[in-house]
Amino acid sequence: MKLTVVLLAVSLLGEGAAFAADPPPAETQIAAAVLAAPEERRPDATVLGYDGKGTLVTLRKGTNDLVCLADNPAEDGFSAACYHKDLEPFMARGRELTAKGITGRQRNEIRWQEIESGKLPMSREPRMLYVLTGKTFDASTGQVVEAYLRWVIYVPFATTQSTGFSTKAAPGAPWLMDAGTAGAHVMISPPRPKP
C-alpha cells in the first residue's frame, strides 16, 4: 500500500518533478532494506532503492536469490521487503500497475490473469517474501524502531485441500490467502510486540 501511493504520486507529478523527500544515502538504504532478510542472506542480496527523483533503481547488485526493496522516504513509517528473485516480475508488474492508478483487488486480478495466460512469469514452486515494518530506521544504531517482521510464502494455485492450511486468519498462525489463485500465499504474522 505504501509503495502504491508513492508510485502513483510520482507518476502524476511527471518525470521532471522533484521527489517529495530526499532519500537517505545508498549505504543507509541498503543497510535498512536487508534487515528484512535472514541475517545470513543479507550480504549477498540485490537491493532496490530510490534516487533523488523517486525513481526505483538498483543500489546494489547481489549474488544470491534475494531482492530487497528499500523503504520509500516519501512515506510515513518504515517498510522494507526482501523476496526471492523469481517474484520480481510479479512485484515489478504490481509497481507498474500502481503507477497507472490500478490498485487493490483489480491490480491483483490483472496480475493473476497474466500469470494464467503465461504473459507474466511466476514460479509454481514456493517463493518467500519477508516484510519488515516499523516506525523508522535509526541509522546510528542500524535498527528499525518498533520493528515487526512477517513472512509470506507464495504458493500459486494452492488450496486448503492441496496444502492443509486454513483460509481463516488467526493470531500468529499461518493461513492461506487468495487460495486457488495465481497469487495464493501463506501468511505468517506473529503477534505484535507490546509497546
C-alpha atoms as a PDB file:
ATOM      1  CA  MET A   1       0.000   0.000   0.000  1.00  0.00           C
ATOM      2  CA  LYS A   2       2.804   2.361   0.972  1.00  0.00           C
ATOM      3  CA  LEU A   3       4.652   1.786  -2.301  1.00  0.00           C
ATOM      4  CA  THR A   4       1.355   2.050  -4.168  1.00  0.00           C
ATOM      5  CA  VAL A   5       0.700   5.591  -3.007  1.00  0.00           C
ATOM      6  CA  VAL A   6       4.171   6.930  -3.707  1.00  0.00           C
ATOM      7  CA  LEU A   7       4.426   5.387  -7.170  1.00  0.00           C
ATOM      8  CA  LEU A   8       1.070   6.877  -8.060  1.00  0.00           C
ATOM      9  CA  ALA A   9       2.185  10.286  -6.779  1.00  0.00           C
ATOM     10  CA  VAL A  10       5.435  10.108  -8.725  1.00  0.00           C
ATOM     11  CA  SER A  11       3.622   9.162 -11.924  1.00  0.00           C
ATOM     12  CA  LEU A  12       1.151  12.012 -11.512  1.00  0.00           C
ATOM     13  CA  LEU A  13       3.907  14.562 -10.889  1.00  0.00           C
ATOM     14  CA  GLY A  14       5.707  13.641 -14.080  1.00  0.00           C
ATOM     15  CA  GLU A  15       9.250  12.748 -14.978  1.00  0.00           C
ATOM     16  CA  GLY A  16      10.923  16.046 -14.058  1.00  0.00           C
ATOM     17  CA  ALA A  17       9.168  16.586 -10.735  1.00  0.00           C
ATOM     18  CA  ALA A  18      11.189  16.718  -7.544  1.00  0.00           C
ATOM     19  CA  PHE A  19      10.889  13.819  -5.124  1.00  0.00           C
ATOM     20  CA  ALA A  20       8.852  14.728  -2.034  1.00  0.00           C
ATOM     21  CA  ALA A  21      11.593  13.602   0.375  1.00  0.00           C
ATOM     22  CA  ASP A  22      15.290  13.194  -0.175  1.00  0.00           C
ATOM     23  CA  PRO A  23      16.238   9.552   0.117  1.00  0.00           C
ATOM     24  CA  PRO A  24      18.995   8.561   2.523  1.00  0.00           C
ATOM     25  CA  PRO A  25      22.399   7.682   1.044  1.00  0.00           C
ATOM     26  CA  ALA A  26      22.525   4.369  -0.810  1.00  0.00           C
ATOM     27  CA  GLU A  27      24.528   2.735   2.011  1.00  0.00           C
ATOM     28  CA  THR A  28      21.806   3.642   4.527  1.00  0.00           C
ATOM     29  CA  GLN A  29      19.024   2.392   2.264  1.00  0.00           C
ATOM     30  CA  ILE A  30      20.893  -0.882   1.767  1.00  0.00           C
ATOM     31  CA  ALA A  31      21.579  -1.343   5.491  1.00  0.00           C
ATOM     32  CA  ALA A  32      17.905  -0.796   6.309  1.00  0.00           C
ATOM     33  CA  ALA A  33      16.441  -2.845   3.449  1.00  0.00           C
ATOM     34  CA  VAL A  34      18.399  -6.013   4.132  1.00  0.00           C
ATOM     35  CA  LEU A  35      17.144  -6.149   7.741  1.00  0.00           C
ATOM     36  CA  ALA A  36      14.008  -7.802   6.335  1.00  0.00           C
ATOM     37  CA  ALA A  37      16.096 -10.808   5.210  1.00  0.00           C
ATOM     38  CA  PRO A  38      17.539 -13.597   7.341  1.00  0.00           C
ATOM     39  CA  GLU A  39      20.935 -12.457   8.626  1.00  0.00           C
ATOM     40  CA  GLU A  40      22.981 -14.973   6.640  1.00  0.00           C
ATOM     41  CA  ARG A  41      21.287 -13.898   3.371  1.00  0.00           C
ATOM     42  CA  ARG A  42      21.818 -10.137   3.765  1.00  0.00           C
ATOM     43  CA  PRO A  43      25.374  -9.609   2.448  1.00  0.00           C
ATOM     44  CA  ASP A  44      24.645 -11.084  -0.994  1.00  0.00           C
ATOM     45  CA  ALA A  45      21.135  -9.723  -1.686  1.00  0.00           C
ATOM     46  CA  THR A  46      20.340  -7.341  -4.522  1.00  0.00           C
ATOM     47  CA  VAL A  47      18.920  -4.078  -3.179  1.00  0.00           C
ATOM     48  CA  LEU A  48      16.489  -1.750  -4.942  1.00  0.00           C
ATOM     49  CA  GLY A  49      16.092   1.779  -3.580  1.00  0.00           C
ATOM     50  CA  TYR A  50      15.358   5.355  -4.542  1.00  0.00           C
ATOM     51  CA  ASP A  51      17.295   8.107  -6.249  1.00  0.00           C
ATOM     52  CA  GLY A  52      16.665  11.841  -5.752  1.00  0.00           C
ATOM     53  CA  LYS A  53      13.767  11.842  -8.233  1.00  0.00           C
ATOM     54  CA  GLY A  54      11.934   8.993  -6.549  1.00  0.00           C
ATOM     55  CA  THR A  55      12.865   6.520  -9.247  1.00  0.00           C
ATOM     56  CA  LEU A  56      13.398   2.949  -8.143  1.00  0.00           C
ATOM     57  CA  VAL A  57      16.972   1.954  -9.030  1.00  0.00           C
ATOM     58  CA  THR A  58      19.359  -0.887  -8.261  1.00  0.00           C
ATOM     59  CA  LEU A  59      21.527   0.255  -5.356  1.00  0.00           C
ATOM     60  CA  ARG A  60      23.480  -2.990  -5.148  1.00  0.00           C
ATOM     61  CA  LYS A  61      23.677  -5.987  -7.458  1.00  0.00           C
ATOM     62  CA  GLY A  62      23.702  -9.134  -5.370  1.00  0.00           C
ATOM     63  CA  THR A  63      24.900 -12.666  -5.928  1.00  0.00           C
ATOM     64  CA  ASN A  64      22.188 -14.710  -4.209  1.00  0.00           C
ATOM     65  CA  ASP A  65      18.490 -15.208  -4.966  1.00  0.00           C
ATOM     66  CA  LEU A  66      17.104 -12.371  -2.822  1.00  0.00           C
ATOM     67  CA  VAL A  67      15.902  -8.940  -3.909  1.00  0.00           C
ATOM     68  CA  CYS A  68      15.380  -6.368  -1.157  1.00  0.00           C
ATOM     69  CA  LEU A  69      13.225  -3.299  -1.628  1.00  0.00           C
ATOM     70  CA  ALA A  70      14.247  -0.271   0.459  1.00  0.00           C
ATOM     71  CA  ASP A  71      11.868   1.904   2.443  1.00  0.00           C
ATOM     72  CA  ASN A  72      10.299   4.724   0.479  1.00  0.00           C
ATOM     73  CA  PRO A  73      11.356   8.010   2.107  1.00  0.00           C
ATOM     74  CA  ALA A  74       8.280   9.815   0.766  1.00  0.00           C
ATOM     75  CA  GLU A  75       6.018   7.737   3.018  1.00  0.00           C
ATOM     76  CA  ASP A  76       5.422   7.835   6.755  1.00  0.00           C
ATOM     77  CA  GLY A  77       6.732   4.925   8.778  1.00  0.00           C
ATOM     78  CA  PHE A  78       9.180   2.279   7.651  1.00  0.00           C
ATOM     79  CA  SER A  79       8.582  -0.654   5.324  1.00  0.00           C
ATOM     80  CA  ALA A  80      11.153  -2.849   3.606  1.00  0.00           C
ATOM     81  CA  ALA A  81      10.755  -6.209   1.913  1.00  0.00           C
ATOM     82  CA  CYS A  82      13.026  -8.958   0.659  1.00  0.00           C
ATOM     83  CA  TYR A  83      11.805 -11.648  -1.716  1.00  0.00           C
ATOM     84  CA  HIS A  84      13.019 -14.428  -3.959  1.00  0.00           C
ATOM     85  CA  LYS A  85      14.227 -13.089  -7.313  1.00  0.00           C
ATOM     86  CA  ASP A  86      11.612 -15.195  -9.127  1.00  0.00           C
ATOM     87  CA  LEU A  87       8.961 -12.886  -7.598  1.00  0.00           C
ATOM     88  CA  GLU A  88      10.486  -9.752  -9.153  1.00  0.00           C
ATOM     89  CA  PRO A  89       8.390  -9.876 -12.365  1.00  0.00           C
ATOM     90  CA  PHE A  90       5.235 -10.151 -10.205  1.00  0.00           C
ATOM     91  CA  MET A  91       6.373  -7.320  -7.917  1.00  0.00           C
ATOM     92  CA  ALA A  92       7.536  -5.113 -10.805  1.00  0.00           C
ATOM     93  CA  ARG A  93       4.204  -5.575 -12.585  1.00  0.00           C
ATOM     94  CA  GLY A  94       2.443  -4.576  -9.374  1.00  0.00           C
ATOM     95  CA  ARG A  95       4.503  -1.379  -9.186  1.00  0.00           C
ATOM     96  CA  GLU A  96       3.764  -0.663 -12.852  1.00  0.00           C
ATOM     97  CA  LEU A  97       0.005  -1.068 -12.385  1.00  0.00           C
ATOM     98  CA  THR A  98       0.077   1.058  -9.228  1.00  0.00           C
ATOM     99  CA  ALA A  99       1.834   3.848 -11.126  1.00  0.00           C
ATOM    100  CA  LYS A 100      -1.120   3.747 -13.554  1.00  0.00           C
ATOM    101  CA  GLY A 101      -3.581   4.103 -10.662  1.00  0.00           C
ATOM    102  CA  ILE A 102      -4.644   0.444 -10.659  1.00  0.00           C
ATOM    103  CA  THR A 103      -4.624  -0.824  -7.084  1.00  0.00           C
ATOM    104  CA  GLY A 104      -6.187  -3.317  -4.690  1.00  0.00           C
ATOM    105  CA  ARG A 105      -8.138  -6.283  -5.945  1.00  0.00           C
ATOM    106  CA  GLN A 106      -8.144  -5.039  -9.543  1.00  0.00           C
ATOM    107  CA  ARG A 107      -4.336  -4.927  -9.588  1.00  0.00           C
ATOM    108  CA  ASN A 108      -4.168  -8.453  -8.196  1.00  0.00           C
ATOM    109  CA  GLU A 109      -6.694  -9.841 -10.661  1.00  0.00           C
ATOM    110  CA  ILE A 110      -4.832  -8.342 -13.628  1.00  0.00           C
ATOM    111  CA  ARG A 111      -1.596  -9.976 -12.490  1.00  0.00           C
ATOM    112  CA  TRP A 112      -3.322 -13.289 -11.794  1.00  0.00           C
ATOM    113  CA  GLN A 113      -4.861 -13.312 -15.284  1.00  0.00           C
ATOM    114  CA  GLU A 114      -1.492 -12.506 -16.817  1.00  0.00           C
ATOM    115  CA  ILE A 115       0.114 -15.379 -14.915  1.00  0.00           C
ATOM    116  CA  GLU A 116      -2.616 -17.788 -16.036  1.00  0.00           C
ATOM    117  CA  SER A 117      -2.191 -16.695 -19.665  1.00  0.00           C
ATOM    118  CA  GLY A 118       1.600 -17.064 -19.494  1.00  0.00           C
ATOM    119  CA  LYS A 119       2.210 -13.347 -20.092  1.00  0.00           C
ATOM    120  CA  LEU A 120       3.613 -12.784 -16.593  1.00  0.00           C
ATOM    121  CA  PRO A 121       6.154 -15.338 -15.319  1.00  0.00           C
ATOM    122  CA  MET A 122       5.514 -16.791 -11.868  1.00  0.00           C
ATOM    123  CA  SER A 123       7.217 -19.790 -10.333  1.00  0.00           C
ATOM    124  CA  ARG A 124       4.922 -22.673  -9.449  1.00  0.00           C
ATOM    125  CA  GLU A 125       7.347 -23.578  -6.645  1.00  0.00           C
ATOM    126  CA  PRO A 126       7.003 -21.851  -3.243  1.00  0.00           C
ATOM    127  CA  ARG A 127       8.786 -18.483  -3.074  1.00  0.00           C
ATOM    128  CA  MET A 128       9.480 -16.426   0.056  1.00  0.00           C
ATOM    129  CA  LEU A 129       8.734 -12.792   0.896  1.00  0.00           C
ATOM    130  CA  TYR A 130       9.892 -11.113   4.129  1.00  0.00           C
ATOM    131  CA  VAL A 131       8.216  -7.839   5.178  1.00  0.00           C
ATOM    132  CA  LEU A 132       9.714  -5.612   7.879  1.00  0.00           C
ATOM    133  CA  THR A 133       7.761  -2.600   9.112  1.00  0.00           C
ATOM    134  CA  GLY A 134       8.284  -0.129  11.914  1.00  0.00           C
ATOM    135  CA  LYS A 135       8.260   3.482  12.978  1.00  0.00           C
ATOM    136  CA  THR A 136      11.571   4.496  11.414  1.00  0.00           C
ATOM    137  CA  PHE A 137      15.122   3.314  10.716  1.00  0.00           C
ATOM    138  CA  ASP A 138      17.761   4.630  13.120  1.00  0.00           C
ATOM    139  CA  ALA A 139      20.952   4.794  11.052  1.00  0.00           C
ATOM    140  CA  SER A 140      23.078   5.435  14.159  1.00  0.00           C
ATOM    141  CA  THR A 141      22.109   2.068  15.686  1.00  0.00           C
ATOM    142  CA  GLY A 142      21.340   0.215  12.457  1.00  0.00           C
ATOM    143  CA  GLN A 143      17.953  -0.821  13.848  1.00  0.00           C
ATOM    144  CA  VAL A 144      14.311  -0.333  12.911  1.00  0.00           C
ATOM    145  CA  VAL A 145      12.385   1.354  15.721  1.00  0.00           C
ATOM    146  CA  GLU A 146       9.338  -0.729  16.753  1.00  0.00           C
ATOM    147  CA  ALA A 147      10.271  -3.408  14.226  1.00  0.00           C
ATOM    148  CA  TYR A 148       7.710  -6.006  13.149  1.00  0.00           C
ATOM    149  CA  LEU A 149       8.634  -8.847  10.786  1.00  0.00           C
ATOM    150  CA  ARG A 150       6.126 -11.048   8.990  1.00  0.00           C
ATOM    151  CA  TRP A 151       6.529 -13.762   6.373  1.00  0.00           C
ATOM    152  CA  VAL A 152       4.682 -14.586   3.162  1.00  0.00           C
ATOM    153  CA  ILE A 153       5.180 -17.752   1.135  1.00  0.00           C
ATOM    154  CA  TYR A 154       3.801 -17.563  -2.403  1.00  0.00           C
ATOM    155  CA  VAL A 155       2.287 -20.889  -3.472  1.00  0.00           C
ATOM    156  CA  PRO A 156       0.437 -20.210  -6.738  1.00  0.00           C
ATOM    157  CA  PHE A 157      -2.892 -22.018  -7.127  1.00  0.00           C
ATOM    158  CA  ALA A 158      -2.611 -23.661  -3.704  1.00  0.00           C
ATOM    159  CA  THR A 159      -5.835 -24.551  -1.920  1.00  0.00           C
ATOM    160  CA  THR A 160      -6.807 -25.777   1.511  1.00  0.00           C
ATOM    161  CA  GLN A 161      -7.100 -29.258   0.005  1.00  0.00           C
ATOM    162  CA  SER A 162      -3.623 -29.170  -1.551  1.00  0.00           C
ATOM    163  CA  THR A 163      -1.854 -27.713   1.487  1.00  0.00           C
ATOM    164  CA  GLY A 164      -3.916 -28.348   4.600  1.00  0.00           C
ATOM    165  CA  PHE A 165      -3.775 -24.646   5.528  1.00  0.00           C
ATOM    166  CA  SER A 166      -6.839 -22.843   6.813  1.00  0.00           C
ATOM    167  CA  THR A 167      -8.079 -19.835   4.855  1.00  0.00           C
ATOM    168  CA  LYS A 168      -9.010 -18.010   8.059  1.00  0.00           C
ATOM    169  CA  ALA A 169      -6.573 -15.675   9.765  1.00  0.00           C
ATOM    170  CA  ALA A 170      -5.764 -16.500  13.384  1.00  0.00           C
ATOM    171  CA  PRO A 171      -3.269 -14.599  15.573  1.00  0.00           C
ATOM    172  CA  GLY A 172       0.220 -15.981  14.991  1.00  0.00           C
ATOM    173  CA  ALA A 173      -0.950 -18.952  12.911  1.00  0.00           C
ATOM    174  CA  PRO A 174      -0.091 -19.487   9.244  1.00  0.00           C
ATOM    175  CA  TRP A 175      -3.056 -19.273   6.884  1.00  0.00           C
ATOM    176  CA  LEU A 176      -3.683 -19.379   3.138  1.00  0.00           C
ATOM    177  CA  MET A 177      -4.757 -16.123   1.490  1.00  0.00           C
ATOM    178  CA  ASP A 178      -6.206 -15.876  -2.036  1.00  0.00           C
ATOM    179  CA  ALA A 179      -6.499 -19.659  -2.192  1.00  0.00           C
ATOM    180  CA  GLY A 180      -6.795 -21.172  -5.658  1.00  0.00           C
ATOM    181  CA  THR A 181      -5.498 -18.063  -7.446  1.00  0.00           C
ATOM    182  CA  ALA A 182      -2.162 -17.408  -9.122  1.00  0.00           C
ATOM    183  CA  GLY A 183      -1.370 -15.167  -6.150  1.00  0.00           C
ATOM    184  CA  ALA A 184      -2.143 -17.690  -3.415  1.00  0.00           C
ATOM    185  CA  HIS A 185       0.175 -17.233  -0.453  1.00  0.00           C
ATOM    186  CA  VAL A 186       0.673 -18.395   3.111  1.00  0.00           C
ATOM    187  CA  MET A 187       0.624 -15.513   5.615  1.00  0.00           C
ATOM    188  CA  ILE A 188       2.584 -15.847   8.844  1.00  0.00           C
ATOM    189  CA  SER A 189       2.103 -12.837  11.108  1.00  0.00           C
ATOM    190  CA  PRO A 190       3.448 -13.296  14.635  1.00  0.00           C
ATOM    191  CA  PRO A 191       1.807 -11.396  17.477  1.00  0.00           C
ATOM    192  CA  ARG A 192       2.999  -7.793  17.607  1.00  0.00           C
ATOM    193  CA  PRO A 193       5.312  -6.942  20.477  1.00  0.00           C
ATOM    194  CA  LYS A 194       3.745  -4.984  23.330  1.00  0.00           C
ATOM    195  CA  PRO A 195       4.895  -1.336  23.457  1.00  0.00           C
END
